[in-house]
């Protein structure tokens, strides 16, 4: 099992380096997915420097952005402040984002109430049951990360951080797929799923 203290220290070292820029820019597929939903309550897991959380907030959602690295979250808060000061506005996009420090694998948050749960380029399979429970009925999940096809390009990349072929849609096989992508021949191989949780449970023949 991953040691949260060791992971926190590892990521804090990364984010303490001003040259470390994380994702550089928001995930445009997530931004489009968020914009397709009515404004609601969103959760961005493993938010890093907050680029994706801000993109979701720009689509009108209130966002909780969770990460294990307090150093990364401090940088994210500064970036939001600088963004709003530079734009000459207050109480705008940044006011819709709340950064929360916590273990992503043991989120200190309630389940069953999120209109959107997003996670990009973080993979620990132990998290998927929590994500499924966290999304409210009728809400949506957006998940994107590397696939094993990446190992062709980077053989030393840890396999445990890569999705197996078809693994992501199988994890949400009982949800409505809104959009998805997985192309092993892509020059930057990844899998993406945007799916909606059913509003009601399916009836079981012979059940009550």
C-alpha atoms as a PDB file:
ATOM      1  CA  UNK A   1       0.000   0.000   0.000  1.00  0.00           C
ATOM      2  CA  UNK A   2       1.198   3.534  -0.778  1.00  0.00           C
ATOM      3  CA  UNK A   3       2.556   5.410   2.232  1.00  0.00           C
ATOM      4  CA  UNK A   4       0.716   8.777   2.329  1.00  0.00           C
ATOM      5  CA  UNK A   5       3.527  10.492   4.241  1.00  0.00           C
ATOM      6  CA  UNK A   6       6.141   9.361   1.731  1.00  0.00           C
ATOM      7  CA  UNK A   7       3.954  10.373  -1.221  1.00  0.00           C
ATOM      8  CA  UNK A   8       3.257  13.752   0.335  1.00  0.00           C
ATOM      9  CA  UNK A   9       6.990  14.348   0.824  1.00  0.00           C
ATOM     10  CA  UNK A  10       7.759  13.224  -2.735  1.00  0.00           C
ATOM     11  CA  UNK A  11       5.209  15.557  -4.303  1.00  0.00           C
ATOM     12  CA  UNK A  12       6.113  18.422  -1.993  1.00  0.00           C
ATOM     13  CA  UNK A  13       9.698  18.159  -3.239  1.00  0.00           C
ATOM     14  CA  UNK A  14       8.460  18.333  -6.829  1.00  0.00           C
ATOM     15  CA  UNK A  15       6.200  21.321  -6.235  1.00  0.00           C
ATOM     16  CA  UNK A  16       8.862  23.136  -4.199  1.00  0.00           C
ATOM     17  CA  UNK A  17      10.837  23.467  -7.442  1.00  0.00           C
ATOM     18  CA  UNK A  18       9.488  26.588  -9.222  1.00  0.00           C
ATOM     19  CA  UNK A  19      10.465  25.025 -12.548  1.00  0.00           C
ATOM     20  CA  UNK A  20       8.008  22.164 -12.037  1.00  0.00           C
ATOM     21  CA  UNK A  21       4.884  23.178 -13.933  1.00  0.00           C
ATOM     22  CA  UNK A  22       2.666  20.106 -13.642  1.00  0.00           C
ATOM     23  CA  UNK A  23       0.210  19.808 -16.526  1.00  0.00           C
ATOM     24  CA  UNK A  24       1.047  23.314 -17.855  1.00  0.00           C
ATOM     25  CA  UNK A  25      -2.504  23.800 -19.145  1.00  0.00           C
ATOM     26  CA  UNK A  26      -6.022  22.572 -18.375  1.00  0.00           C
ATOM     27  CA  UNK A  27      -7.240  19.336 -19.923  1.00  0.00           C
ATOM     28  CA  UNK A  28      -9.412  20.558 -22.782  1.00  0.00           C
ATOM     29  CA  UNK A  29     -11.485  17.359 -22.866  1.00  0.00           C
ATOM     30  CA  UNK A  30     -12.368  17.866 -19.218  1.00  0.00           C
ATOM     31  CA  UNK A  31     -13.160  21.528 -19.852  1.00  0.00           C
ATOM     32  CA  UNK A  32     -15.558  20.535 -22.645  1.00  0.00           C
ATOM     33  CA  UNK A  33     -17.169  17.836 -20.497  1.00  0.00           C
ATOM     34  CA  UNK A  34     -17.712  20.279 -17.630  1.00  0.00           C
ATOM     35  CA  UNK A  35     -19.191  22.858 -19.988  1.00  0.00           C
ATOM     36  CA  UNK A  36     -21.716  20.307 -21.258  1.00  0.00           C
ATOM     37  CA  UNK A  37     -23.219  19.896 -17.772  1.00  0.00           C
ATOM     38  CA  UNK A  38     -25.455  22.300 -15.845  1.00  0.00           C
ATOM     39  CA  UNK A  39     -23.486  24.191 -13.196  1.00  0.00           C
ATOM     40  CA  UNK A  40     -23.230  22.125 -10.038  1.00  0.00           C
ATOM     41  CA  UNK A  41     -20.880  20.810  -7.382  1.00  0.00           C
ATOM     42  CA  UNK A  42     -17.667  19.286  -8.748  1.00  0.00           C
ATOM     43  CA  UNK A  43     -14.734  17.454  -7.223  1.00  0.00           C
ATOM     44  CA  UNK A  44     -11.307  17.354  -8.858  1.00  0.00           C
ATOM     45  CA  UNK A  45      -9.126  14.580  -7.412  1.00  0.00           C
ATOM     46  CA  UNK A  46      -5.313  14.824  -7.392  1.00  0.00           C
ATOM     47  CA  UNK A  47      -5.699  18.430  -8.516  1.00  0.00           C
ATOM     48  CA  UNK A  48      -1.987  19.318  -8.496  1.00  0.00           C
ATOM     49  CA  UNK A  49      -1.541  22.995  -9.329  1.00  0.00           C
ATOM     50  CA  UNK A  50      -5.248  23.437  -9.967  1.00  0.00           C
ATOM     51  CA  UNK A  51      -5.325  23.929 -13.742  1.00  0.00           C
ATOM     52  CA  UNK A  52      -8.202  21.483 -14.227  1.00  0.00           C
ATOM     53  CA  UNK A  53     -10.125  22.714 -11.191  1.00  0.00           C
ATOM     54  CA  UNK A  54     -10.048  26.234 -12.621  1.00  0.00           C
ATOM     55  CA  UNK A  55     -11.221  24.971 -16.010  1.00  0.00           C
ATOM     56  CA  UNK A  56     -14.210  23.282 -14.360  1.00  0.00           C
ATOM     57  CA  UNK A  57     -14.951  26.457 -12.376  1.00  0.00           C
ATOM     58  CA  UNK A  58     -14.884  28.503 -15.589  1.00  0.00           C
ATOM     59  CA  UNK A  59     -17.737  26.278 -16.799  1.00  0.00           C
ATOM     60  CA  UNK A  60     -19.798  27.585 -13.886  1.00  0.00           C
ATOM     61  CA  UNK A  61     -19.321  24.806 -11.335  1.00  0.00           C
ATOM     62  CA  UNK A  62     -18.395  25.149  -7.687  1.00  0.00           C
ATOM     63  CA  UNK A  63     -15.270  23.026  -7.284  1.00  0.00           C
ATOM     64  CA  UNK A  64     -13.536  21.256  -4.435  1.00  0.00           C
ATOM     65  CA  UNK A  65      -9.960  20.486  -5.491  1.00  0.00           C
ATOM     66  CA  UNK A  66      -8.251  17.774  -3.437  1.00  0.00           C
ATOM     67  CA  UNK A  67      -4.560  16.935  -3.326  1.00  0.00           C
ATOM     68  CA  UNK A  68      -2.074  15.311  -0.963  1.00  0.00           C
ATOM     69  CA  UNK A  69       0.622  17.940  -1.525  1.00  0.00           C
ATOM     70  CA  UNK A  70       0.182  21.009   0.672  1.00  0.00           C
ATOM     71  CA  UNK A  71       3.048  22.650  -1.235  1.00  0.00           C
ATOM     72  CA  UNK A  72       1.231  22.146  -4.521  1.00  0.00           C
ATOM     73  CA  UNK A  73      -1.998  23.507  -3.056  1.00  0.00           C
ATOM     74  CA  UNK A  74      -0.186  26.599  -1.766  1.00  0.00           C
ATOM     75  CA  UNK A  75       1.101  27.253  -5.277  1.00  0.00           C
ATOM     76  CA  UNK A  76      -2.386  26.690  -6.683  1.00  0.00           C
ATOM     77  CA  UNK A  77      -3.901  29.251  -4.310  1.00  0.00           C
ATOM     78  CA  UNK A  78      -1.258  31.807  -5.246  1.00  0.00           C
ATOM     79  CA  UNK A  79      -1.889  31.174  -8.951  1.00  0.00           C
ATOM     80  CA  UNK A  80      -5.630  31.768  -8.506  1.00  0.00           C
ATOM     81  CA  UNK A  81      -4.998  35.030  -6.650  1.00  0.00           C
ATOM     82  CA  UNK A  82      -2.561  36.237  -9.298  1.00  0.00           C
ATOM     83  CA  UNK A  83      -5.026  35.297 -12.043  1.00  0.00           C
ATOM     84  CA  UNK A  84      -7.801  37.379 -10.524  1.00  0.00           C
ATOM     85  CA  UNK A  85      -5.557  40.310  -9.626  1.00  0.00           C
ATOM     86  CA  UNK A  86      -4.171  40.295 -13.169  1.00  0.00           C
ATOM     87  CA  UNK A  87      -7.676  40.287 -14.582  1.00  0.00           C
ATOM     88  CA  UNK A  88      -8.734  43.053 -12.222  1.00  0.00           C
ATOM     89  CA  UNK A  89     -11.600  41.036 -10.783  1.00  0.00           C
ATOM     90  CA  UNK A  90     -12.525  39.636  -7.413  1.00  0.00           C
ATOM     91  CA  UNK A  91     -14.932  36.934  -6.382  1.00  0.00           C
ATOM     92  CA  UNK A  92     -14.825  35.398  -9.845  1.00  0.00           C
ATOM     93  CA  UNK A  93     -13.602  31.975 -10.945  1.00  0.00           C
ATOM     94  CA  UNK A  94     -11.270  31.638  -7.991  1.00  0.00           C
ATOM     95  CA  UNK A  95     -14.140  32.153  -5.574  1.00  0.00           C
ATOM     96  CA  UNK A  96     -15.756  29.003  -6.947  1.00  0.00           C
ATOM     97  CA  UNK A  97     -12.723  26.813  -6.137  1.00  0.00           C
ATOM     98  CA  UNK A  98     -11.928  25.479  -2.653  1.00  0.00           C
ATOM     99  CA  UNK A  99      -8.584  23.736  -2.330  1.00  0.00           C
ATOM    100  CA  UNK A 100      -8.543  20.919   0.227  1.00  0.00           C
ATOM    101  CA  UNK A 101      -5.504  19.085   1.567  1.00  0.00           C
ATOM    102  CA  UNK A 102      -6.053  15.366   2.032  1.00  0.00           C
ATOM    103  CA  UNK A 103      -5.191  11.846   0.997  1.00  0.00           C
ATOM    104  CA  UNK A 104      -6.728  11.225  -2.425  1.00  0.00           C
ATOM    105  CA  UNK A 105      -7.068   7.517  -1.646  1.00  0.00           C
ATOM    106  CA  UNK A 106      -8.985   8.305   1.550  1.00  0.00           C
ATOM    107  CA  UNK A 107     -10.847  11.483   0.623  1.00  0.00           C
ATOM    108  CA  UNK A 108     -12.107  13.386   3.680  1.00  0.00           C
ATOM    109  CA  UNK A 109     -15.320  14.139   1.818  1.00  0.00           C
ATOM    110  CA  UNK A 110     -18.890  12.911   1.632  1.00  0.00           C
ATOM    111  CA  UNK A 111     -20.051  10.592  -1.117  1.00  0.00           C
ATOM    112  CA  UNK A 112     -23.260  10.617  -3.149  1.00  0.00           C
ATOM    113  CA  UNK A 113     -23.490  14.386  -3.656  1.00  0.00           C
ATOM    114  CA  UNK A 114     -21.112  15.376  -6.475  1.00  0.00           C
ATOM    115  CA  UNK A 115     -22.482  16.433  -9.862  1.00  0.00           C
ATOM    116  CA  UNK A 116     -19.064  15.829 -11.430  1.00  0.00           C
ATOM    117  CA  UNK A 117     -16.015  13.957 -10.180  1.00  0.00           C
ATOM    118  CA  UNK A 118     -12.887  14.362 -12.289  1.00  0.00           C
ATOM    119  CA  UNK A 119      -9.445  12.813 -12.126  1.00  0.00           C
ATOM    120  CA  UNK A 120      -6.698  13.172 -14.721  1.00  0.00           C
ATOM    121  CA  UNK A 121      -3.350  11.372 -14.845  1.00  0.00           C
ATOM    122  CA  UNK A 122      -3.502   9.789 -11.426  1.00  0.00           C
ATOM    123  CA  UNK A 123      -4.137   6.072 -11.087  1.00  0.00           C
ATOM    124  CA  UNK A 124      -4.647   3.893  -8.072  1.00  0.00           C
ATOM    125  CA  UNK A 125      -7.305   1.274  -8.663  1.00  0.00           C
ATOM    126  CA  UNK A 126      -8.323   1.350  -5.007  1.00  0.00           C
ATOM    127  CA  UNK A 127      -9.919   4.742  -5.701  1.00  0.00           C
ATOM    128  CA  UNK A 128     -12.527   3.597  -8.243  1.00  0.00           C
ATOM    129  CA  UNK A 129     -15.126   2.235  -5.770  1.00  0.00           C
ATOM    130  CA  UNK A 130     -15.014   5.556  -3.916  1.00  0.00           C
ATOM    131  CA  UNK A 131     -15.466   7.522  -7.141  1.00  0.00           C
ATOM    132  CA  UNK A 132     -18.481   5.414  -8.117  1.00  0.00           C
ATOM    133  CA  UNK A 133     -20.038   6.067  -4.720  1.00  0.00           C
ATOM    134  CA  UNK A 134     -19.123   9.762  -4.693  1.00  0.00           C
ATOM    135  CA  UNK A 135     -21.045  10.740  -7.842  1.00  0.00           C
ATOM    136  CA  UNK A 136     -24.697  11.467  -7.128  1.00  0.00           C
ATOM    137  CA  UNK A 137     -27.350   9.592  -9.146  1.00  0.00           C
ATOM    138  CA  UNK A 138     -27.539  11.432 -12.467  1.00  0.00           C
ATOM    139  CA  UNK A 139     -24.104  12.971 -11.946  1.00  0.00           C
ATOM    140  CA  UNK A 140     -21.019  12.301 -14.044  1.00  0.00           C
ATOM    141  CA  UNK A 141     -17.439  11.126 -13.892  1.00  0.00           C
ATOM    142  CA  UNK A 142     -14.540  12.262 -16.067  1.00  0.00           C
ATOM    143  CA  UNK A 143     -11.429  10.107 -15.907  1.00  0.00           C
ATOM    144  CA  UNK A 144      -8.343  10.190 -18.089  1.00  0.00           C
ATOM    145  CA  UNK A 145      -4.903   8.665 -17.751  1.00  0.00           C
ATOM    146  CA  UNK A 146      -2.181   6.675 -19.471  1.00  0.00           C
ATOM    147  CA  UNK A 147      -2.694   3.228 -20.969  1.00  0.00           C
ATOM    148  CA  UNK A 148      -0.232   0.373 -21.250  1.00  0.00           C
ATOM    149  CA  UNK A 149       0.448   1.475 -24.825  1.00  0.00           C
ATOM    150  CA  UNK A 150       2.629   4.175 -23.244  1.00  0.00           C
ATOM    151  CA  UNK A 151       5.143   1.461 -22.372  1.00  0.00           C
ATOM    152  CA  UNK A 152       6.079   1.210 -26.063  1.00  0.00           C
ATOM    153  CA  UNK A 153       7.299   4.789 -25.868  1.00  0.00           C
ATOM    154  CA  UNK A 154       8.655   4.698 -22.320  1.00  0.00           C
ATOM    155  CA  UNK A 155       9.455   1.099 -21.304  1.00  0.00           C
ATOM    156  CA  UNK A 156      10.613   2.106 -17.820  1.00  0.00           C
ATOM    157  CA  UNK A 157       7.310   3.834 -16.972  1.00  0.00           C
ATOM    158  CA  UNK A 158       5.620   1.976 -14.048  1.00  0.00           C
ATOM    159  CA  UNK A 159       3.006  -0.392 -15.439  1.00  0.00           C
ATOM    160  CA  UNK A 160       0.840   0.011 -12.322  1.00  0.00           C
ATOM    161  CA  UNK A 161       0.147   3.603 -13.390  1.00  0.00           C
ATOM    162  CA  UNK A 162      -1.243   2.472 -16.763  1.00  0.00           C
ATOM    163  CA  UNK A 163      -4.734   1.270 -17.590  1.00  0.00           C
ATOM    164  CA  UNK A 164      -5.105  -2.066 -19.305  1.00  0.00           C
ATOM    165  CA  UNK A 165      -6.900  -2.154 -22.693  1.00  0.00           C
ATOM    166  CA  UNK A 166     -10.621  -1.607 -22.146  1.00  0.00           C
ATOM    167  CA  UNK A 167     -10.225  -1.381 -18.371  1.00  0.00           C
ATOM    168  CA  UNK A 168     -11.718   2.086 -17.893  1.00  0.00           C
ATOM    169  CA  UNK A 169     -15.098   1.502 -19.614  1.00  0.00           C
ATOM    170  CA  UNK A 170     -15.357  -1.860 -17.873  1.00  0.00           C
ATOM    171  CA  UNK A 171     -15.074  -0.143 -14.482  1.00  0.00           C
ATOM    172  CA  UNK A 172     -18.140   1.942 -15.367  1.00  0.00           C
ATOM    173  CA  UNK A 173     -19.927  -0.575 -17.575  1.00  0.00           C
ATOM    174  CA  UNK A 174     -23.312   0.102 -15.938  1.00  0.00           C
ATOM    175  CA  UNK A 175     -23.075   3.887 -16.490  1.00  0.00           C
ATOM    176  CA  UNK A 176     -24.164   5.860 -19.573  1.00  0.00           C
ATOM    177  CA  UNK A 177     -21.125   6.696 -21.691  1.00  0.00           C
ATOM    178  CA  UNK A 178     -21.236  10.313 -22.836  1.00  0.00           C
ATOM    179  CA  UNK A 179     -17.860  10.237 -24.562  1.00  0.00           C
ATOM    180  CA  UNK A 180     -14.771   8.057 -24.519  1.00  0.00           C
ATOM    181  CA  UNK A 181     -11.466   7.552 -26.257  1.00  0.00           C
ATOM    182  CA  UNK A 182      -8.791   4.892 -26.250  1.00  0.00           C
ATOM    183  CA  UNK A 183      -6.444   4.497 -29.193  1.00  0.00           C
ATOM    184  CA  UNK A 184      -3.305   2.387 -28.652  1.00  0.00           C
ATOM    185  CA  UNK A 185      -1.788   3.907 -31.795  1.00  0.00           C
ATOM    186  CA  UNK A 186      -2.169   7.448 -30.507  1.00  0.00           C
ATOM    187  CA  UNK A 187       1.234   9.172 -30.263  1.00  0.00           C
ATOM    188  CA  UNK A 188       0.314  10.021 -26.659  1.00  0.00           C
ATOM    189  CA  UNK A 189      -1.632   6.916 -25.588  1.00  0.00           C
ATOM    190  CA  UNK A 190      -4.351   7.526 -23.023  1.00  0.00           C
ATOM    191  CA  UNK A 191      -7.850   6.386 -22.129  1.00  0.00           C
ATOM    192  CA  UNK A 192     -10.648   8.851 -21.392  1.00  0.00           C
ATOM    193  CA  UNK A 193     -14.173   8.249 -20.151  1.00  0.00           C
ATOM    194  CA  UNK A 194     -16.964  10.737 -19.499  1.00  0.00           C
ATOM    195  CA  UNK A 195     -19.973   8.851 -18.162  1.00  0.00           C
ATOM    196  CA  UNK A 196     -23.206   9.479 -16.261  1.00  0.00           C
ATOM    197  CA  UNK A 197     -24.318   7.491 -13.231  1.00  0.00           C
ATOM    198  CA  UNK A 198     -27.845   6.066 -13.617  1.00  0.00           C
ATOM    199  CA  UNK A 199     -30.487   8.064 -11.742  1.00  0.00           C
ATOM    200  CA  UNK A 200     -32.136   4.942 -10.418  1.00  0.00           C
ATOM    201  CA  UNK A 201     -31.062   1.396  -9.788  1.00  0.00           C
ATOM    202  CA  UNK A 202     -31.965  -1.119 -12.412  1.00  0.00           C
ATOM    203  CA  UNK A 203     -34.873  -3.356 -11.424  1.00  0.00           C
ATOM    204  CA  UNK A 204     -33.956  -6.927 -10.647  1.00  0.00           C
ATOM    205  CA  UNK A 205     -36.276  -9.609 -12.053  1.00  0.00           C
ATOM    206  CA  UNK A 206     -38.065 -11.266  -9.169  1.00  0.00           C
ATOM    207  CA  UNK A 207     -36.864  -8.594  -6.754  1.00  0.00           C
ATOM    208  CA  UNK A 208     -38.895  -6.182  -4.693  1.00  0.00           C
END
